Structure formats: C-alpha cells, structure tokens
C-alpha cells in the first residue's frame, strides 16, 4: 500500500519481488521437514546443524533483500513534515 503525495514522492509500503526471498528462512518453522537424526555432520544430528545453517541462510537472505531494495541516496533535502501535514486522526 503506497501513496503518491503531491510532491511526487512515494511513501508507505512498496512491494518488491526480492521480498519473497524472506520466505526461505521461514522453512525453519516447519519442524517435520527436518526432525530426523541423520545425516550427521561432525557428530551433530541433522536437526541441530540444519537449524544452525538456517540462521546463516536467514542472515544472508535478509542482507540480499536489503541490498537489492534499498533506495539510492538523493541530493534533495530530507523529507520533513510540517505541522499541517501531520495526521491527528478524526476528532469529531
């Protein structure tokens, strides 16, 4: 849900296909997929080393999404809202 303001800037949530990469670390929540003993890695059961691996995958995927979706810096002045533009709600 993004909105275009009168100055032409887009504010709010923006969808990017890169955000779908953040679904991959959520696989660690489906424990029946990896609730097994083997194969072992350095004597550790699969259940444990898969969780360690998914921590690294989660950090890597978050970093990739950040790098690919961050906006380029602009030379414009920072966006400052005036008192008149602030949303105070509907006080009727």
N, C-alpha and C. Protein backbone atom coordinates (compact mmCIF):
# COMPACT_ATOMS: atom_id res chain seq x y z
N UNK A 1 0.85 -1.16 0.00
CA UNK A 1 0.00 0.00 0.00
C UNK A 1 0.90 1.23 0.00
N UNK A 2 1.06 1.83 -1.13
CA UNK A 2 1.88 3.04 -1.22
C UNK A 2 1.01 4.18 -1.70
N UNK A 3 1.40 5.35 -1.30
CA UNK A 3 0.64 6.54 -1.69
C UNK A 3 1.58 7.53 -2.34
N UNK A 4 1.08 8.21 -3.36
CA UNK A 4 1.87 9.23 -4.02
C UNK A 4 1.39 10.58 -3.50
N UNK A 5 2.31 11.32 -2.91
CA UNK A 5 1.97 12.64 -2.36
C UNK A 5 2.03 13.69 -3.45
N UNK A 6 1.64 14.91 -3.11
CA UNK A 6 1.58 15.99 -4.08
C UNK A 6 2.95 16.36 -4.64
N UNK A 7 4.02 16.02 -3.92
CA UNK A 7 5.36 16.33 -4.42
C UNK A 7 5.92 15.22 -5.31
N UNK A 8 5.12 14.16 -5.58
CA UNK A 8 5.53 13.10 -6.48
C UNK A 8 6.31 11.97 -5.82
N UNK A 9 6.59 12.08 -4.53
CA UNK A 9 7.35 11.03 -3.84
C UNK A 9 6.40 9.93 -3.37
N UNK A 10 6.89 8.72 -3.42
CA UNK A 10 6.10 7.57 -2.99
C UNK A 10 6.45 7.28 -1.54
N UNK A 11 5.42 7.17 -0.71
CA UNK A 11 5.64 6.86 0.70
C UNK A 11 4.81 5.64 1.07
N UNK A 12 5.25 4.92 2.07
CA UNK A 12 4.49 3.77 2.53
C UNK A 12 5.14 2.47 2.11
N UNK A 13 4.36 1.41 2.15
CA UNK A 13 4.87 0.09 1.80
C UNK A 13 4.97 -0.06 0.29
N UNK A 14 6.05 -0.69 -0.14
CA UNK A 14 6.24 -0.97 -1.56
C UNK A 14 6.57 -2.44 -1.72
N UNK A 15 5.97 -3.08 -2.70
CA UNK A 15 6.25 -4.50 -2.95
C UNK A 15 7.43 -4.61 -3.90
N UNK A 16 8.29 -5.56 -3.60
CA UNK A 16 9.40 -5.89 -4.47
C UNK A 16 9.49 -7.42 -4.55
N UNK A 17 9.76 -7.97 -5.71
CA UNK A 17 9.91 -9.43 -5.80
C UNK A 17 11.04 -9.95 -4.92
N UNK A 18 12.00 -9.11 -4.60
CA UNK A 18 13.10 -9.53 -3.72
C UNK A 18 12.59 -9.87 -2.33
N UNK A 19 11.47 -9.28 -1.92
CA UNK A 19 10.93 -9.57 -0.59
C UNK A 19 10.49 -11.02 -0.45
N UNK A 20 10.19 -11.67 -1.55
CA UNK A 20 9.79 -13.08 -1.49
C UNK A 20 10.92 -13.98 -1.01
N UNK A 21 12.15 -13.51 -1.13
CA UNK A 21 13.30 -14.27 -0.63
C UNK A 21 13.25 -14.42 0.88
N UNK A 22 12.52 -13.55 1.56
CA UNK A 22 12.42 -13.62 3.02
C UNK A 22 11.53 -14.77 3.48
N UNK A 23 10.87 -15.45 2.55
CA UNK A 23 10.07 -16.62 2.91
C UNK A 23 10.97 -17.82 3.21
N UNK A 24 12.13 -17.88 2.58
CA UNK A 24 13.03 -19.04 2.73
C UNK A 24 13.40 -19.30 4.19
N UNK A 25 13.81 -18.31 4.99
CA UNK A 25 14.14 -18.61 6.39
C UNK A 25 12.96 -19.11 7.21
N UNK A 26 11.75 -18.89 6.75
CA UNK A 26 10.58 -19.37 7.49
C UNK A 26 10.43 -20.88 7.42
N UNK A 27 11.19 -21.53 6.56
CA UNK A 27 11.14 -23.00 6.50
C UNK A 27 11.57 -23.64 7.81
N UNK A 28 12.34 -22.93 8.61
CA UNK A 28 12.79 -23.48 9.88
C UNK A 28 11.61 -23.65 10.85
N UNK A 29 10.50 -23.01 10.58
CA UNK A 29 9.32 -23.15 11.43
C UNK A 29 8.55 -24.44 11.15
N UNK A 30 8.84 -25.09 10.04
CA UNK A 30 8.16 -26.35 9.69
C UNK A 30 9.07 -27.50 10.15
N UNK A 31 9.03 -27.78 11.44
CA UNK A 31 9.95 -28.77 12.01
C UNK A 31 9.79 -30.19 11.47
N UNK A 32 8.62 -30.65 11.01
CA UNK A 32 8.57 -32.01 10.47
C UNK A 32 9.48 -32.21 9.24
N UNK A 33 9.86 -31.12 8.58
CA UNK A 33 10.75 -31.25 7.42
C UNK A 33 12.15 -31.71 7.83
N UNK A 34 12.59 -31.36 9.03
CA UNK A 34 13.98 -31.66 9.41
C UNK A 34 14.08 -32.35 10.77
N UNK A 35 13.00 -32.93 11.24
CA UNK A 35 13.00 -33.61 12.53
C UNK A 35 13.48 -35.06 12.37
N UNK A 36 14.75 -35.19 11.97
CA UNK A 36 15.35 -36.51 11.78
C UNK A 36 16.74 -36.51 12.41
N UNK A 37 17.26 -37.71 12.61
CA UNK A 37 18.59 -37.85 13.24
C UNK A 37 19.72 -37.76 12.23
N UNK A 38 19.54 -38.35 11.08
CA UNK A 38 20.63 -38.37 10.11
C UNK A 38 20.27 -37.54 8.89
N UNK A 39 21.21 -37.13 8.13
CA UNK A 39 22.65 -37.40 8.24
C UNK A 39 23.31 -36.52 9.30
N UNK A 40 24.35 -37.06 9.89
CA UNK A 40 25.07 -36.33 10.92
C UNK A 40 26.23 -35.56 10.30
N UNK A 41 26.54 -34.42 10.90
CA UNK A 41 27.65 -33.59 10.46
C UNK A 41 28.51 -33.31 11.68
N UNK A 42 29.73 -33.79 11.67
CA UNK A 42 30.65 -33.68 12.82
C UNK A 42 30.02 -34.23 14.09
N UNK A 43 29.23 -35.29 13.95
CA UNK A 43 28.60 -35.94 15.09
C UNK A 43 27.29 -35.29 15.53
N UNK A 44 26.92 -34.17 14.92
CA UNK A 44 25.67 -33.48 15.29
C UNK A 44 24.52 -34.02 14.44
N UNK A 45 23.39 -34.30 15.06
CA UNK A 45 22.23 -34.75 14.29
C UNK A 45 21.76 -33.66 13.32
N UNK A 46 21.09 -34.08 12.26
CA UNK A 46 20.60 -33.18 11.23
C UNK A 46 19.74 -32.08 11.82
N UNK A 47 18.91 -32.40 12.81
CA UNK A 47 18.01 -31.43 13.40
C UNK A 47 18.76 -30.19 13.88
N UNK A 48 19.92 -30.39 14.51
CA UNK A 48 20.67 -29.25 15.07
C UNK A 48 21.47 -28.50 14.01
N UNK A 49 22.20 -29.23 13.15
CA UNK A 49 23.03 -28.48 12.20
C UNK A 49 22.20 -27.80 11.13
N UNK A 50 20.99 -28.31 10.86
CA UNK A 50 20.11 -27.63 9.92
C UNK A 50 19.64 -26.29 10.49
N UNK A 51 19.36 -26.26 11.79
CA UNK A 51 18.97 -25.00 12.42
C UNK A 51 20.11 -23.98 12.37
N UNK A 52 21.34 -24.41 12.64
CA UNK A 52 22.49 -23.51 12.52
C UNK A 52 22.64 -23.00 11.08
N UNK A 53 22.45 -23.88 10.13
CA UNK A 53 22.54 -23.49 8.72
C UNK A 53 21.45 -22.47 8.37
N UNK A 54 20.25 -22.67 8.89
CA UNK A 54 19.16 -21.75 8.58
C UNK A 54 19.36 -20.37 9.20
N UNK A 55 20.09 -20.27 10.29
CA UNK A 55 20.44 -18.95 10.83
C UNK A 55 21.29 -18.20 9.81
N UNK A 56 22.29 -18.88 9.26
CA UNK A 56 23.14 -18.25 8.24
C UNK A 56 22.36 -17.91 6.98
N UNK A 57 21.45 -18.80 6.57
CA UNK A 57 20.62 -18.54 5.39
C UNK A 57 19.70 -17.35 5.64
N UNK A 58 19.16 -17.23 6.84
CA UNK A 58 18.30 -16.11 7.17
C UNK A 58 19.04 -14.78 7.14
N UNK A 59 20.24 -14.76 7.69
CA UNK A 59 21.05 -13.54 7.67
C UNK A 59 21.42 -13.18 6.24
N UNK A 60 21.83 -14.16 5.46
CA UNK A 60 22.22 -13.92 4.08
C UNK A 60 21.04 -13.43 3.24
N UNK A 61 19.88 -14.04 3.40
CA UNK A 61 18.73 -13.61 2.60
C UNK A 61 18.26 -12.22 3.02
N UNK A 62 18.31 -11.90 4.30
CA UNK A 62 17.96 -10.55 4.75
C UNK A 62 18.91 -9.52 4.17
N UNK A 63 20.19 -9.83 4.15
CA UNK A 63 21.19 -8.91 3.60
C UNK A 63 20.96 -8.71 2.09
N UNK A 64 20.68 -9.79 1.38
CA UNK A 64 20.45 -9.69 -0.07
C UNK A 64 19.22 -8.81 -0.35
N UNK A 65 18.13 -9.03 0.39
CA UNK A 65 16.93 -8.23 0.18
C UNK A 65 17.21 -6.76 0.51
N UNK A 66 17.96 -6.50 1.57
CA UNK A 66 18.30 -5.12 1.92
C UNK A 66 19.10 -4.44 0.81
N UNK A 67 20.12 -5.12 0.32
CA UNK A 67 20.98 -4.54 -0.71
C UNK A 67 20.20 -4.30 -2.01
N UNK A 68 19.33 -5.22 -2.37
CA UNK A 68 18.63 -5.11 -3.64
C UNK A 68 17.43 -4.16 -3.59
N UNK A 69 16.93 -3.82 -2.40
CA UNK A 69 15.75 -2.98 -2.32
C UNK A 69 16.01 -1.61 -1.71
N UNK A 70 17.20 -1.34 -1.26
CA UNK A 70 17.44 -0.02 -0.66
C UNK A 70 17.42 1.05 -1.75
N UNK A 71 16.95 2.19 -1.37
CA UNK A 71 16.88 3.31 -2.31
C UNK A 71 18.25 3.97 -2.41
N UNK A 72 18.50 4.52 -3.56
CA UNK A 72 19.75 5.25 -3.75
C UNK A 72 19.62 6.60 -3.05
N UNK A 73 20.69 7.08 -2.44
CA UNK A 73 20.59 8.38 -1.75
C UNK A 73 20.30 9.49 -2.74
N UNK A 74 19.55 10.45 -2.29
CA UNK A 74 19.21 11.58 -3.14
C UNK A 74 19.90 12.83 -2.62
N UNK A 75 20.05 13.79 -3.50
CA UNK A 75 20.68 15.05 -3.12
C UNK A 75 19.66 16.04 -2.58
N UNK A 76 18.38 15.64 -2.57
CA UNK A 76 17.33 16.53 -2.07
C UNK A 76 17.44 16.68 -0.56
N UNK A 77 16.76 17.68 -0.06
CA UNK A 77 16.70 17.89 1.38
C UNK A 77 15.90 16.75 2.01
N UNK A 78 16.16 16.43 3.26
CA UNK A 78 15.40 15.36 3.90
C UNK A 78 13.92 15.71 3.97
N UNK A 79 13.10 14.69 3.96
CA UNK A 79 11.65 14.87 3.99
C UNK A 79 11.23 15.27 5.40
N UNK A 80 10.73 16.46 5.53
CA UNK A 80 10.26 16.97 6.81
C UNK A 80 8.78 17.33 6.67
N UNK A 81 7.98 16.81 7.56
CA UNK A 81 6.56 17.11 7.53
C UNK A 81 6.31 18.37 8.35
N UNK A 82 5.44 19.20 7.81
CA UNK A 82 5.05 20.38 8.59
C UNK A 82 3.93 19.98 9.54
N UNK A 83 3.62 20.84 10.46
CA UNK A 83 2.58 20.56 11.43
C UNK A 83 1.24 20.35 10.74
N UNK A 84 0.99 21.05 9.64
CA UNK A 84 -0.28 20.93 8.95
C UNK A 84 -0.44 19.58 8.25
N UNK A 85 0.66 18.92 7.90
CA UNK A 85 0.59 17.64 7.19
C UNK A 85 0.50 16.45 8.12
N UNK A 86 0.69 16.63 9.42
CA UNK A 86 0.64 15.51 10.34
C UNK A 86 -0.78 15.02 10.53
N UNK A 87 -0.93 13.71 10.59
CA UNK A 87 -2.26 13.11 10.75
C UNK A 87 -2.59 13.05 12.24
N UNK A 88 -3.62 13.77 12.61
CA UNK A 88 -4.04 13.78 14.01
C UNK A 88 -5.28 12.94 14.23
N UNK A 89 -5.73 12.25 13.23
CA UNK A 89 -6.90 11.42 13.37
C UNK A 89 -8.17 12.21 13.14
N UNK A 90 -9.28 11.52 13.27
CA UNK A 90 -10.58 12.15 13.06
C UNK A 90 -11.18 12.45 14.43
N UNK A 91 -11.11 13.70 14.87
CA UNK A 91 -11.55 14.08 16.21
C UNK A 91 -12.93 14.72 16.18
N UNK A 92 -13.89 14.04 15.62
CA UNK A 92 -15.25 14.60 15.56
C UNK A 92 -16.05 14.15 16.72
